[in-house]
Amino acid sequence: YHHMTDRIEKIPGVTGVTPFIYSEVMLSSGGGVKGVVLRGVDSNTAKG
């Protein structure tokens, strides 16, 4: 995806590109259990 990112960023009108990971997981703590949508992000490029 790094090569695709470089090519997409050169397109006029594009202001930002960031890779992501999508999954559904279970989150548990002392307060209970909850199904959540988990998003993996790149903290550097996600800001844009």
PDB file of all heavy atoms in Angstrom:
ATOM      1  N   TYR A   1       0.812  -1.217   0.000  1.00  0.00           N
ATOM      2  CA  TYR A   1       0.000   0.000   0.000  1.00  0.00           C
ATOM      3  C   TYR A   1       0.849   1.272   0.000  1.00  0.00           C
ATOM      4  O   TYR A   1       0.348   2.350  -0.301  1.00  0.00           O
ATOM      5  CB  TYR A   1      -0.944   0.003   1.197  1.00  0.00           C
ATOM      6  CG  TYR A   1      -0.280  -0.023   2.544  1.00  0.00           C
ATOM      7  CD1 TYR A   1       0.069   1.154   3.207  1.00  0.00           C
ATOM      8  CD2 TYR A   1       0.020  -1.238   3.164  1.00  0.00           C
ATOM      9  CE1 TYR A   1       0.684   1.130   4.445  1.00  0.00           C
ATOM     10  CE2 TYR A   1       0.645  -1.263   4.407  1.00  0.00           C
ATOM     11  CZ  TYR A   1       0.964  -0.086   5.048  1.00  0.00           C
ATOM     12  OH  TYR A   1       1.582  -0.118   6.267  1.00  0.00           O
ATOM     13  N   HIS A   2       2.124   1.160   0.351  1.00  0.00           N
ATOM     14  CA  HIS A   2       2.993   2.345   0.351  1.00  0.00           C
ATOM     15  C   HIS A   2       3.141   2.922  -1.055  1.00  0.00           C
ATOM     16  O   HIS A   2       3.119   4.143  -1.232  1.00  0.00           O
ATOM     17  CB  HIS A   2       4.362   1.987   0.918  1.00  0.00           C
ATOM     18  CG  HIS A   2       4.322   1.518   2.341  1.00  0.00           C
ATOM     19  ND1 HIS A   2       4.094   2.374   3.393  1.00  0.00           N
ATOM     20  CD2 HIS A   2       4.465   0.273   2.887  1.00  0.00           C
ATOM     21  CE1 HIS A   2       4.107   1.694   4.529  1.00  0.00           C
ATOM     22  NE2 HIS A   2       4.331   0.408   4.248  1.00  0.00           N
ATOM     23  N   HIS A   3       3.266   2.052  -2.057  1.00  0.00           N
ATOM     24  CA  HIS A   3       3.377   2.534  -3.434  1.00  0.00           C
ATOM     25  C   HIS A   3       2.070   3.195  -3.874  1.00  0.00           C
ATOM     26  O   HIS A   3       2.080   4.219  -4.576  1.00  0.00           O
ATOM     27  CB  HIS A   3       3.723   1.363  -4.365  1.00  0.00           C
ATOM     28  CG  HIS A   3       4.995   0.658  -4.003  1.00  0.00           C
ATOM     29  ND1 HIS A   3       6.236   1.229  -4.162  1.00  0.00           N
ATOM     30  CD2 HIS A   3       5.208  -0.574  -3.469  1.00  0.00           C
ATOM     31  CE1 HIS A   3       7.174   0.381  -3.757  1.00  0.00           C
ATOM     32  NE2 HIS A   3       6.582  -0.734  -3.326  1.00  0.00           N
ATOM     33  N   MET A   4       0.943   2.620  -3.477  1.00  0.00           N
ATOM     34  CA  MET A   4      -0.346   3.201  -3.830  1.00  0.00           C
ATOM     35  C   MET A   4      -0.523   4.566  -3.170  1.00  0.00           C
ATOM     36  O   MET A   4      -1.049   5.502  -3.781  1.00  0.00           O
ATOM     37  CB  MET A   4      -1.473   2.258  -3.413  1.00  0.00           C
ATOM     38  CG  MET A   4      -1.444   0.907  -4.111  1.00  0.00           C
ATOM     39  SD  MET A   4      -2.696  -0.231  -3.462  1.00  0.00           S
ATOM     40  CE  MET A   4      -4.171   0.688  -3.781  1.00  0.00           C
ATOM     41  N   THR A   5      -0.056   4.683  -1.913  1.00  0.00           N
ATOM     42  CA  THR A   5      -0.175   5.957  -1.197  1.00  0.00           C
ATOM     43  C   THR A   5       0.573   7.063  -1.917  1.00  0.00           C
ATOM     44  O   THR A   5       0.068   8.185  -2.070  1.00  0.00           O
ATOM     45  CB  THR A   5       0.349   5.806   0.237  1.00  0.00           C
ATOM     46  OG1 THR A   5      -0.410   4.797   0.908  1.00  0.00           O
ATOM     47  CG2 THR A   5       0.238   7.111   0.994  1.00  0.00           C
ATOM     48  N   ASP A   6       1.778   6.757  -2.383  1.00  0.00           N
ATOM     49  CA  ASP A   6       2.593   7.760  -3.096  1.00  0.00           C
ATOM     50  C   ASP A   6       1.902   8.223  -4.374  1.00  0.00           C
ATOM     51  O   ASP A   6       1.933   9.410  -4.714  1.00  0.00           O
ATOM     52  CB  ASP A   6       3.969   7.186  -3.417  1.00  0.00           C
ATOM     53  CG  ASP A   6       4.789   6.895  -2.163  1.00  0.00           C
ATOM     54  OD1 ASP A   6       4.500   7.519  -1.119  1.00  0.00           O
ATOM     55  OD2 ASP A   6       5.680   6.024  -2.217  1.00  0.00           O
ATOM     56  N   ARG A   7       1.265   7.304  -5.063  1.00  0.00           N
ATOM     57  CA  ARG A   7       0.605   7.664  -6.312  1.00  0.00           C
ATOM     58  C   ARG A   7      -0.676   8.463  -6.062  1.00  0.00           C
ATOM     59  O   ARG A   7      -0.994   9.399  -6.803  1.00  0.00           O
ATOM     60  CB  ARG A   7       0.288   6.396  -7.119  1.00  0.00           C
ATOM     61  CG  ARG A   7       1.518   5.576  -7.467  1.00  0.00           C
ATOM     62  CD  ARG A   7       1.204   4.343  -8.272  1.00  0.00           C
ATOM     63  NE  ARG A   7       0.727   4.674  -9.603  1.00  0.00           N
ATOM     64  CZ  ARG A   7       0.502   3.772 -10.565  1.00  0.00           C
ATOM     65  NH1 ARG A   7       0.732   2.489 -10.323  1.00  0.00           N
ATOM     66  NH2 ARG A   7       0.071   4.145 -11.744  1.00  0.00           N
ATOM     67  N   ILE A   8      -1.407   8.099  -5.011  1.00  0.00           N
ATOM     68  CA  ILE A   8      -2.657   8.802  -4.712  1.00  0.00           C
ATOM     69  C   ILE A   8      -2.384  10.225  -4.258  1.00  0.00           C
ATOM     70  O   ILE A   8      -3.125  11.162  -4.605  1.00  0.00           O
ATOM     71  CB  ILE A   8      -3.442   8.027  -3.640  1.00  0.00           C
ATOM     72  CG1 ILE A   8      -3.914   6.678  -4.191  1.00  0.00           C
ATOM     73  CG2 ILE A   8      -4.642   8.835  -3.152  1.00  0.00           C
ATOM     74  CD1 ILE A   8      -4.544   5.771  -3.154  1.00  0.00           C
ATOM     75  N   GLU A   9      -1.340  10.435  -3.475  1.00  0.00           N
ATOM     76  CA  GLU A   9      -1.025  11.772  -2.959  1.00  0.00           C
ATOM     77  C   GLU A   9      -0.711  12.765  -4.066  1.00  0.00           C
ATOM     78  O   GLU A   9      -0.822  13.975  -3.862  1.00  0.00           O
ATOM     79  CB  GLU A   9       0.138  11.685  -1.981  1.00  0.00           C
ATOM     80  CG  GLU A   9      -0.227  11.046  -0.639  1.00  0.00           C
ATOM     81  CD  GLU A   9       0.975  10.916   0.276  1.00  0.00           C
ATOM     82  OE1 GLU A   9       2.118  10.970  -0.246  1.00  0.00           O
ATOM     83  OE2 GLU A   9       0.775  10.772   1.503  1.00  0.00           O
ATOM     84  N   LYS A  10      -0.310  12.281  -5.244  1.00  0.00           N
ATOM     85  CA  LYS A  10       0.031  13.170  -6.359  1.00  0.00           C
ATOM     86  C   LYS A  10      -1.199  13.634  -7.137  1.00  0.00           C
ATOM     87  O   LYS A  10      -1.096  14.520  -7.987  1.00  0.00           O
ATOM     88  CB  LYS A  10       0.997  12.454  -7.306  1.00  0.00           C
ATOM     89  CG  LYS A  10       2.341  12.115  -6.666  1.00  0.00           C
ATOM     90  CD  LYS A  10       3.232  11.361  -7.635  1.00  0.00           C
ATOM     91  CE  LYS A  10       4.570  10.972  -6.985  1.00  0.00           C
ATOM     92  NZ  LYS A  10       5.427  10.197  -7.914  1.00  0.00           N
ATOM     93  N   ILE A  11      -2.362  13.053  -6.856  1.00  0.00           N
ATOM     94  CA  ILE A  11      -3.586  13.431  -7.582  1.00  0.00           C
ATOM     95  C   ILE A  11      -4.068  14.799  -7.094  1.00  0.00           C
ATOM     96  O   ILE A  11      -4.194  15.020  -5.881  1.00  0.00           O
ATOM     97  CB  ILE A  11      -4.684  12.366  -7.367  1.00  0.00           C
ATOM     98  CG1 ILE A  11      -4.231  11.023  -7.954  1.00  0.00           C
ATOM     99  CG2 ILE A  11      -5.995  12.807  -8.006  1.00  0.00           C
ATOM    100  CD1 ILE A  11      -5.221   9.900  -7.718  1.00  0.00           C
ATOM    101  N   PRO A  12      -4.360  15.742  -7.982  1.00  0.00           N
ATOM    102  CA  PRO A  12      -4.850  17.060  -7.558  1.00  0.00           C
ATOM    103  C   PRO A  12      -6.190  16.936  -6.834  1.00  0.00           C
ATOM    104  O   PRO A  12      -7.079  16.208  -7.269  1.00  0.00           O
ATOM    105  CB  PRO A  12      -5.009  17.820  -8.887  1.00  0.00           C
ATOM    106  CG  PRO A  12      -4.139  17.097  -9.854  1.00  0.00           C
ATOM    107  CD  PRO A  12      -4.146  15.667  -9.443  1.00  0.00           C
ATOM    108  N   GLY A  13      -6.310  17.648  -5.728  1.00  0.00           N
ATOM    109  CA  GLY A  13      -7.536  17.593  -4.949  1.00  0.00           C
ATOM    110  C   GLY A  13      -7.463  16.679  -3.750  1.00  0.00           C
ATOM    111  O   GLY A  13      -8.338  16.733  -2.877  1.00  0.00           O
ATOM    112  N   VAL A  14      -6.435  15.831  -3.668  1.00  0.00           N
ATOM    113  CA  VAL A  14      -6.243  14.929  -2.530  1.00  0.00           C
ATOM    114  C   VAL A  14      -5.390  15.640  -1.485  1.00  0.00           C
ATOM    115  O   VAL A  14      -4.293  16.113  -1.778  1.00  0.00           O
ATOM    116  CB  VAL A  14      -5.574  13.610  -2.962  1.00  0.00           C
ATOM    117  CG1 VAL A  14      -5.253  12.750  -1.743  1.00  0.00           C
ATOM    118  CG2 VAL A  14      -6.476  12.850  -3.926  1.00  0.00           C
ATOM    119  N   THR A  15      -5.893  15.736  -0.269  1.00  0.00           N
ATOM    120  CA  THR A  15      -5.172  16.439   0.806  1.00  0.00           C
ATOM    121  C   THR A  15      -4.546  15.502   1.830  1.00  0.00           C
ATOM    122  O   THR A  15      -3.721  15.944   2.619  1.00  0.00           O
ATOM    123  CB  THR A  15      -6.118  17.409   1.535  1.00  0.00           C
ATOM    124  OG1 THR A  15      -7.208  16.671   2.104  1.00  0.00           O
ATOM    125  CG2 THR A  15      -6.670  18.456   0.573  1.00  0.00           C
ATOM    126  N   GLY A  16      -4.943  14.243   1.835  1.00  0.00           N
ATOM    127  CA  GLY A  16      -4.380  13.318   2.814  1.00  0.00           C
ATOM    128  C   GLY A  16      -4.733  11.879   2.514  1.00  0.00           C
ATOM    129  O   GLY A  16      -5.812  11.590   1.987  1.00  0.00           O
ATOM    130  N   VAL A  17      -3.807  10.962   2.830  1.00  0.00           N
ATOM    131  CA  VAL A  17      -4.017   9.524   2.647  1.00  0.00           C
ATOM    132  C   VAL A  17      -3.468   8.820   3.871  1.00  0.00           C
ATOM    133  O   VAL A  17      -2.359   9.136   4.332  1.00  0.00           O
ATOM    134  CB  VAL A  17      -3.327   8.985   1.369  1.00  0.00           C
ATOM    135  CG1 VAL A  17      -3.655   7.501   1.177  1.00  0.00           C
ATOM    136  CG2 VAL A  17      -3.723   9.786   0.148  1.00  0.00           C
ATOM    137  N   THR A  18      -4.219   7.871   4.408  1.00  0.00           N
ATOM    138  CA  THR A  18      -3.747   7.120   5.567  1.00  0.00           C
ATOM    139  C   THR A  18      -4.230   5.681   5.473  1.00  0.00           C
ATOM    140  O   THR A  18      -5.363   5.425   5.055  1.00  0.00           O
ATOM    141  CB  THR A  18      -4.246   7.756   6.885  1.00  0.00           C
ATOM    142  OG1 THR A  18      -3.669   7.055   7.993  1.00  0.00           O
ATOM    143  CG2 THR A  18      -5.735   7.708   6.996  1.00  0.00           C
ATOM    144  N   PRO A  19      -3.377   4.697   5.839  1.00  0.00           N
ATOM    145  CA  PRO A  19      -3.816   3.301   5.858  1.00  0.00           C
ATOM    146  C   PRO A  19      -4.620   3.006   7.115  1.00  0.00           C
ATOM    147  O   PRO A  19      -4.426   3.640   8.150  1.00  0.00           O
ATOM    148  CB  PRO A  19      -2.498   2.524   5.839  1.00  0.00           C
ATOM    149  CG  PRO A  19      -1.520   3.436   6.488  1.00  0.00           C
ATOM    150  CD  PRO A  19      -1.937   4.840   6.131  1.00  0.00           C
ATOM    151  N   PHE A  20      -5.522   2.030   7.026  1.00  0.00           N
ATOM    152  CA  PHE A  20      -6.328   1.663   8.190  1.00  0.00           C
ATOM    153  C   PHE A  20      -6.561   0.160   8.210  1.00  0.00           C
ATOM    154  O   PHE A  20      -6.462  -0.525   7.174  1.00  0.00           O
ATOM    155  CB  PHE A  20      -7.670   2.401   8.183  1.00  0.00           C
ATOM    156  CG  PHE A  20      -8.653   1.871   7.167  1.00  0.00           C
ATOM    157  CD1 PHE A  20      -9.622   0.950   7.533  1.00  0.00           C
ATOM    158  CD2 PHE A  20      -8.611   2.300   5.848  1.00  0.00           C
ATOM    159  CE1 PHE A  20     -10.529   0.457   6.611  1.00  0.00           C
ATOM    160  CE2 PHE A  20      -9.513   1.816   4.917  1.00  0.00           C
ATOM    161  CZ  PHE A  20     -10.476   0.890   5.294  1.00  0.00           C
ATOM    162  N   ILE A  21      -6.862  -0.336   9.392  1.00  0.00           N
ATOM    163  CA  ILE A  21      -7.248  -1.734   9.591  1.00  0.00           C
ATOM    164  C   ILE A  21      -8.597  -1.749  10.294  1.00  0.00           C
ATOM    165  O   ILE A  21      -8.803  -1.020  11.264  1.00  0.00           O
ATOM    166  CB  ILE A  21      -6.198  -2.494  10.419  1.00  0.00           C
ATOM    167  CG1 ILE A  21      -4.870  -2.554   9.653  1.00  0.00           C
ATOM    168  CG2 ILE A  21      -6.672  -3.899  10.760  1.00  0.00           C
ATOM    169  CD1 ILE A  21      -3.738  -3.184  10.435  1.00  0.00           C
ATOM    170  N   TYR A  22      -9.492  -2.572   9.803  1.00  0.00           N
ATOM    171  CA  TYR A  22     -10.850  -2.639  10.353  1.00  0.00           C
ATOM    172  C   TYR A  22     -11.117  -4.044  10.860  1.00  0.00           C
ATOM    173  O   TYR A  22     -10.814  -5.038  10.184  1.00  0.00           O
ATOM    174  CB  TYR A  22     -11.869  -2.271   9.275  1.00  0.00           C
ATOM    175  CG  TYR A  22     -13.311  -2.358   9.713  1.00  0.00           C
ATOM    176  CD1 TYR A  22     -13.969  -1.247  10.228  1.00  0.00           C
ATOM    177  CD2 TYR A  22     -14.016  -3.558   9.609  1.00  0.00           C
ATOM    178  CE1 TYR A  22     -15.288  -1.324  10.627  1.00  0.00           C
ATOM    179  CE2 TYR A  22     -15.344  -3.643  10.009  1.00  0.00           C
ATOM    180  CZ  TYR A  22     -15.968  -2.524  10.515  1.00  0.00           C
ATOM    181  OH  TYR A  22     -17.276  -2.604  10.917  1.00  0.00           O
ATOM    182  N   SER A  23     -11.666  -4.130  12.067  1.00  0.00           N
ATOM    183  CA  SER A  23     -12.029  -5.428  12.626  1.00  0.00           C
ATOM    184  C   SER A  23     -13.043  -5.228  13.747  1.00  0.00           C
ATOM    185  O   SER A  23     -13.226  -4.105  14.238  1.00  0.00           O
ATOM    186  CB  SER A  23     -10.792  -6.166  13.154  1.00  0.00           C
ATOM    187  OG  SER A  23     -11.148  -7.441  13.659  1.00  0.00           O
ATOM    188  N   GLU A  24     -13.690  -6.293  14.132  1.00  0.00           N
ATOM    189  CA  GLU A  24     -14.615  -6.279  15.262  1.00  0.00           C
ATOM    190  C   GLU A  24     -14.074  -7.211  16.345  1.00  0.00           C
ATOM    191  O   GLU A  24     -13.769  -8.378  16.068  1.00  0.00           O
ATOM    192  CB  GLU A  24     -16.017  -6.720  14.831  1.00  0.00           C
ATOM    193  CG  GLU A  24     -16.661  -5.768  13.837  1.00  0.00           C
ATOM    194  CD  GLU A  24     -18.044  -6.211  13.423  1.00  0.00           C
ATOM    195  OE1 GLU A  24     -18.522  -7.224  13.977  1.00  0.00           O
ATOM    196  OE2 GLU A  24     -18.640  -5.552  12.555  1.00  0.00           O
ATOM    197  N   VAL A  25     -13.938  -6.689  17.551  1.00  0.00           N
ATOM    198  CA  VAL A  25     -13.337  -7.442  18.646  1.00  0.00           C
ATOM    199  C   VAL A  25     -14.197  -7.280  19.899  1.00  0.00           C
ATOM    200  O   VAL A  25     -15.163  -6.510  19.919  1.00  0.00           O
ATOM    201  CB  VAL A  25     -11.895  -6.965  18.926  1.00  0.00           C
ATOM    202  CG1 VAL A  25     -11.018  -7.158  17.712  1.00  0.00           C
ATOM    203  CG2 VAL A  25     -11.886  -5.505  19.371  1.00  0.00           C
ATOM    204  N   MET A  26     -13.814  -8.001  20.942  1.00  0.00           N
ATOM    205  CA  MET A  26     -14.447  -7.869  22.247  1.00  0.00           C
ATOM    206  C   MET A  26     -13.502  -7.126  23.178  1.00  0.00           C
ATOM    207  O   MET A  26     -12.311  -7.447  23.250  1.00  0.00           O
ATOM    208  CB  MET A  26     -14.777  -9.245  22.826  1.00  0.00           C
ATOM    209  CG  MET A  26     -15.807 -10.032  22.044  1.00  0.00           C
ATOM    210  SD  MET A  26     -17.439  -9.272  22.086  1.00  0.00           S
ATOM    211  CE  MET A  26     -17.842  -9.468  23.824  1.00  0.00           C
ATOM    212  N   LEU A  27     -14.035  -6.120  23.867  1.00  0.00           N
ATOM    213  CA  LEU A  27     -13.251  -5.357  24.830  1.00  0.00           C
ATOM    214  C   LEU A  27     -13.784  -5.671  26.226  1.00  0.00           C
ATOM    215  O   LEU A  27     -14.988  -5.547  26.474  1.00  0.00           O
ATOM    216  CB  LEU A  27     -13.343  -3.868  24.526  1.00  0.00           C
ATOM    217  CG  LEU A  27     -12.448  -2.921  25.328  1.00  0.00           C
ATOM    218  CD1 LEU A  27     -12.080  -1.702  24.484  1.00  0.00           C
ATOM    219  CD2 LEU A  27     -13.150  -2.435  26.598  1.00  0.00           C
ATOM    220  N   SER A  28     -12.892  -6.084  27.115  1.00  0.00           N
ATOM    221  CA  SER A  28     -13.314  -6.443  28.469  1.00  0.00           C
ATOM    222  C   SER A  28     -12.474  -5.692  29.494  1.00  0.00           C
ATOM    223  O   SER A  28     -11.297  -5.391  29.258  1.00  0.00           O
ATOM    224  CB  SER A  28     -13.179  -7.948  28.692  1.00  0.00           C
ATOM    225  OG  SER A  28     -11.829  -8.357  28.644  1.00  0.00           O
ATOM    226  N   SER A  29     -13.112  -5.368  30.593  1.00  0.00           N
ATOM    227  CA  SER A  29     -12.435  -4.719  31.716  1.00  0.00           C
ATOM    228  C   SER A  29     -13.167  -5.114  32.986  1.00  0.00           C
ATOM    229  O   SER A  29     -14.097  -5.935  32.966  1.00  0.00           O
ATOM    230  CB  SER A  29     -12.443  -3.196  31.534  1.00  0.00           C
ATOM    231  OG  SER A  29     -13.763  -2.699  31.653  1.00  0.00           O
ATOM    232  N   GLY A  30     -12.769  -4.512  34.096  1.00  0.00           N
ATOM    233  CA  GLY A  30     -13.453  -4.792  35.349  1.00  0.00           C
ATOM    234  C   GLY A  30     -14.893  -4.336  35.350  1.00  0.00           C
ATOM    235  O   GLY A  30     -15.710  -4.801  36.154  1.00  0.00           O
ATOM    236  N   GLY A  31     -15.262  -3.415  34.397  1.00  0.00           N
ATOM    237  CA  GLY A  31     -16.619  -2.903  34.337  1.00  0.00           C
ATOM    238  C   GLY A  31     -17.540  -3.685  33.439  1.00  0.00           C
ATOM    239  O   GLY A  31     -18.732  -3.369  33.361  1.00  0.00           O
ATOM    240  N   GLY A  32     -17.030  -4.694  32.729  1.00  0.00           N
ATOM    241  CA  GLY A  32     -17.881  -5.507  31.863  1.00  0.00           C
ATOM    242  C   GLY A  32     -17.211  -5.816  30.538  1.00  0.00           C
ATOM    243  O   GLY A  32     -16.004  -5.600  30.349  1.00  0.00           O
ATOM    244  N   VAL A  33     -18.030  -6.332  29.618  1.00  0.00           N
ATOM    245  CA  VAL A  33     -17.558  -6.741  28.295  1.00  0.00           C
ATOM    246  C   VAL A  33     -18.419  -6.057  27.243  1.00  0.00           C
ATOM    247  O   VAL A  33     -19.639  -5.939  27.404  1.00  0.00           O
ATOM    248  CB  VAL A  33     -17.618  -8.270  28.124  1.00  0.00           C
ATOM    249  CG1 VAL A  33     -17.122  -8.671  26.737  1.00  0.00           C
ATOM    250  CG2 VAL A  33     -16.816  -8.964  29.204  1.00  0.00           C
ATOM    251  N   LYS A  34     -17.789  -5.607  26.156  1.00  0.00           N
ATOM    252  CA  LYS A  34     -18.520  -4.890  25.101  1.00  0.00           C
ATOM    253  C   LYS A  34     -17.882  -5.194  23.759  1.00  0.00           C
ATOM    254  O   LYS A  34     -16.658  -5.179  23.617  1.00  0.00           O
ATOM    255  CB  LYS A  34     -18.479  -3.376  25.361  1.00  0.00           C
ATOM    256  CG  LYS A  34     -19.162  -2.533  24.305  1.00  0.00           C
ATOM    257  CD  LYS A  34     -20.659  -2.620  24.396  1.00  0.00           C
ATOM    258  CE  LYS A  34     -21.347  -1.539  23.551  1.00  0.00           C
ATOM    259  NZ  LYS A  34     -21.048  -1.633  22.120  1.00  0.00           N
ATOM    260  N   GLY A  35     -18.708  -5.528  22.779  1.00  0.00           N
ATOM    261  CA  GLY A  35     -18.213  -5.669  21.424  1.00  0.00           C
ATOM    262  C   GLY A  35     -17.970  -4.302  20.801  1.00  0.00           C
ATOM    263  O   GLY A  35     -18.828  -3.418  20.892  1.00  0.00           O
ATOM    264  N   VAL A  36     -16.817  -4.111  20.180  1.00  0.00           N
ATOM    265  CA  VAL A  36     -16.462  -2.811  19.625  1.00  0.00           C
ATOM    266  C   VAL A  36     -15.935  -2.975  18.201  1.00  0.00           C
ATOM    267  O   VAL A  36     -15.483  -4.059  17.802  1.00  0.00           O
ATOM    268  CB  VAL A  36     -15.392  -2.088  20.486  1.00  0.00           C
ATOM    269  CG1 VAL A  36     -15.907  -1.823  21.874  1.00  0.00           C
ATOM    270  CG2 VAL A  36     -14.094  -2.890  20.540  1.00  0.00           C
ATOM    271  N   VAL A  37     -16.033  -1.895  17.462  1.00  0.00           N
ATOM    272  CA  VAL A  37     -15.413  -1.807  16.144  1.00  0.00           C
ATOM    273  C   VAL A  37     -14.005  -1.273  16.342  1.00  0.00           C
ATOM    274  O   VAL A  37     -13.824  -0.169  16.870  1.00  0.00           O
ATOM    275  CB  VAL A  37     -16.215  -0.884  15.215  1.00  0.00           C
ATOM    276  CG1 VAL A  37     -15.475  -0.696  13.897  1.00  0.00           C
ATOM    277  CG2 VAL A  37     -17.601  -1.448  14.974  1.00  0.00           C
ATOM    278  N   LEU A  38     -13.017  -2.044  15.944  1.00  0.00           N
ATOM    279  CA  LEU A  38     -11.618  -1.669  16.154  1.00  0.00           C
ATOM    280  C   LEU A  38     -11.049  -1.093  14.869  1.00  0.00           C
ATOM    281  O   LEU A  38     -11.167  -1.702  13.799  1.00  0.00           O
ATOM    282  CB  LEU A  38     -10.809  -2.894  16.593  1.00  0.00           C
ATOM    283  CG  LEU A  38      -9.356  -2.628  16.991  1.00  0.00           C
ATOM    284  CD1 LEU A  38      -9.299  -1.798  18.266  1.00  0.00           C
ATOM    285  CD2 LEU A  38      -8.604  -3.942  17.178  1.00  0.00           C
ATOM    286  N   ARG A  39     -10.466   0.087  14.994  1.00  0.00           N
ATOM    287  CA  ARG A  39      -9.845   0.747  13.844  1.00  0.00           C
ATOM    288  C   ARG A  39      -8.357   0.904  14.112  1.00  0.00           C
ATOM    289  O   ARG A  39      -7.962   1.566  15.074  1.00  0.00           O
ATOM    290  CB  ARG A  39     -10.470   2.128  13.613  1.00  0.00           C
ATOM    291  CG  ARG A  39     -11.930   2.102  13.230  1.00  0.00           C
ATOM    292  CD  ARG A  39     -12.118   1.873  11.749  1.00  0.00           C
ATOM    293  NE  ARG A  39     -11.524   2.937  10.957  1.00  0.00           N
ATOM    294  CZ  ARG A  39     -12.160   4.068  10.631  1.00  0.00           C
ATOM    295  NH1 ARG A  39     -13.399   4.267  11.044  1.00  0.00           N
ATOM    296  NH2 ARG A  39     -11.570   4.983   9.909  1.00  0.00           N
ATOM    297  N   GLY A  40      -7.547   0.265  13.282  1.00  0.00           N
ATOM    298  CA  GLY A  40      -6.115   0.504  13.333  1.00  0.00           C
ATOM    299  C   GLY A  40      -5.773   1.689  12.461  1.00  0.00           C
ATOM    300  O   GLY A  40      -6.228   1.782  11.308  1.00  0.00           O
ATOM    301  N   VAL A  41      -4.985   2.646  12.977  1.00  0.00           N
ATOM    302  CA  VAL A  41      -4.648   3.859  12.236  1.00  0.00           C
ATOM    303  C   VAL A  41      -3.166   4.156  12.363  1.00  0.00           C
ATOM    304  O   VAL A  41      -2.487   3.650  13.264  1.00  0.00           O
ATOM    305  CB  VAL A  41      -5.460   5.080  12.736  1.00  0.00           C
ATOM    306  CG1 VAL A  41      -6.945   4.877  12.502  1.00  0.00           C
ATOM    307  CG2 VAL A  41      -5.192   5.332  14.211  1.00  0.00           C
ATOM    308  N   ASP A  42      -2.689   4.958  11.451  1.00  0.00           N
ATOM    309  CA  ASP A  42      -1.327   5.490  11.519  1.00  0.00           C
ATOM    310  C   ASP A  42      -1.431   6.872  12.153  1.00  0.00           C
ATOM    311  O   ASP A  42      -2.010   7.790  11.570  1.00  0.00           O
ATOM    312  CB  ASP A  42      -0.732   5.571  10.114  1.00  0.00           C
ATOM    313  CG  ASP A  42       0.721   6.032  10.112  1.00  0.00           C
ATOM    314  OD1 ASP A  42       1.173   6.600  11.127  1.00  0.00           O
ATOM    315  OD2 ASP A  42       1.398   5.830   9.086  1.00  0.00           O
ATOM    316  N   SER A  43      -0.892   7.025  13.352  1.00  0.00           N
ATOM    317  CA  SER A  43      -1.072   8.273  14.100  1.00  0.00           C
ATOM    318  C   SER A  43      -0.463   9.477  13.385  1.00  0.00           C
ATOM    319  O   SER A  43      -0.891  10.618  13.613  1.00  0.00           O
ATOM    320  CB  SER A  43      -0.455   8.141  15.499  1.00  0.00           C
ATOM    321  OG  SER A  43       0.934   7.855  15.402  1.00  0.00           O
ATOM    322  N   ASN A  44       0.510   9.261  12.523  1.00  0.00           N
ATOM    323  CA  ASN A  44       1.159  10.386  11.821  1.00  0.00           C
ATOM    324  C   ASN A  44       0.310  10.905  10.668  1.00  0.00           C
ATOM    325  O   ASN A  44       0.117  12.113  10.518  1.00  0.00           O
ATOM    326  CB  ASN A  44       2.536   9.951  11.314  1.00  0.00           C
ATOM    327  CG  ASN A  44       3.489   9.631  12.443  1.00  0.00           C
ATOM    328  OD1 ASN A  44       3.498  10.302  13.475  1.00  0.00           O
ATOM    329  ND2 ASN A  44       4.294   8.585  12.269  1.00  0.00           N
ATOM    330  N   THR A  45      -0.214   9.997   9.841  1.00  0.00           N
ATOM    331  CA  THR A  45      -0.963  10.421   8.660  1.00  0.00           C
ATOM    332  C   THR A  45      -2.463  10.558   8.928  1.00  0.00           C
ATOM    333  O   THR A  45      -3.166  11.230   8.172  1.00  0.00           O
ATOM    334  CB  THR A  45      -0.756   9.414   7.510  1.00  0.00           C
ATOM    335  OG1 THR A  45      -1.152   8.104   7.952  1.00  0.00           O
ATOM    336  CG2 THR A  45       0.705   9.375   7.095  1.00  0.00           C
ATOM    337  N   ALA A  46      -2.968   9.942   9.993  1.00  0.00           N
ATOM    338  CA  ALA A  46      -4.408  10.012  10.284  1.00  0.00           C
ATOM    339  C   ALA A  46      -4.846  11.422  10.648  1.00  0.00           C
ATOM    340  O   ALA A  46      -6.019  11.783  10.481  1.00  0.00           O
ATOM    341  CB  ALA A  46      -4.756   9.048  11.412  1.00  0.00           C
ATOM    342  N   LYS A  47      -3.932  12.246  11.153  1.00  0.00           N
ATOM    343  CA  LYS A  47      -4.290  13.611  11.545  1.00  0.00           C
ATOM    344  C   LYS A  47      -4.781  14.442  10.364  1.00  0.00           C
ATOM    345  O   LYS A  47      -5.592  15.352  10.531  1.00  0.00           O
ATOM    346  CB  LYS A  47      -3.086  14.299  12.185  1.00  0.00           C
ATOM    347  CG  LYS A  47      -2.613  13.645  13.480  1.00  0.00           C
ATOM    348  CD  LYS A  47      -1.379  14.341  14.021  1.00  0.00           C
ATOM    349  CE  LYS A  47      -0.878  13.674  15.289  1.00  0.00           C
ATOM    350  NZ  LYS A  47       0.340  14.319  15.823  1.00  0.00           N
ATOM    351  N   GLY A  48      -4.282  14.135   9.173  1.00  0.00           N
ATOM    352  CA  GLY A  48      -4.689  14.894   8.002  1.00  0.00           C
ATOM    353  C   GLY A  48      -5.913  14.339   7.311  1.00  0.00           C
ATOM    354  O   GLY A  48      -6.366  14.901   6.308  1.00  0.00           O
TER     355      GLY A  48
END
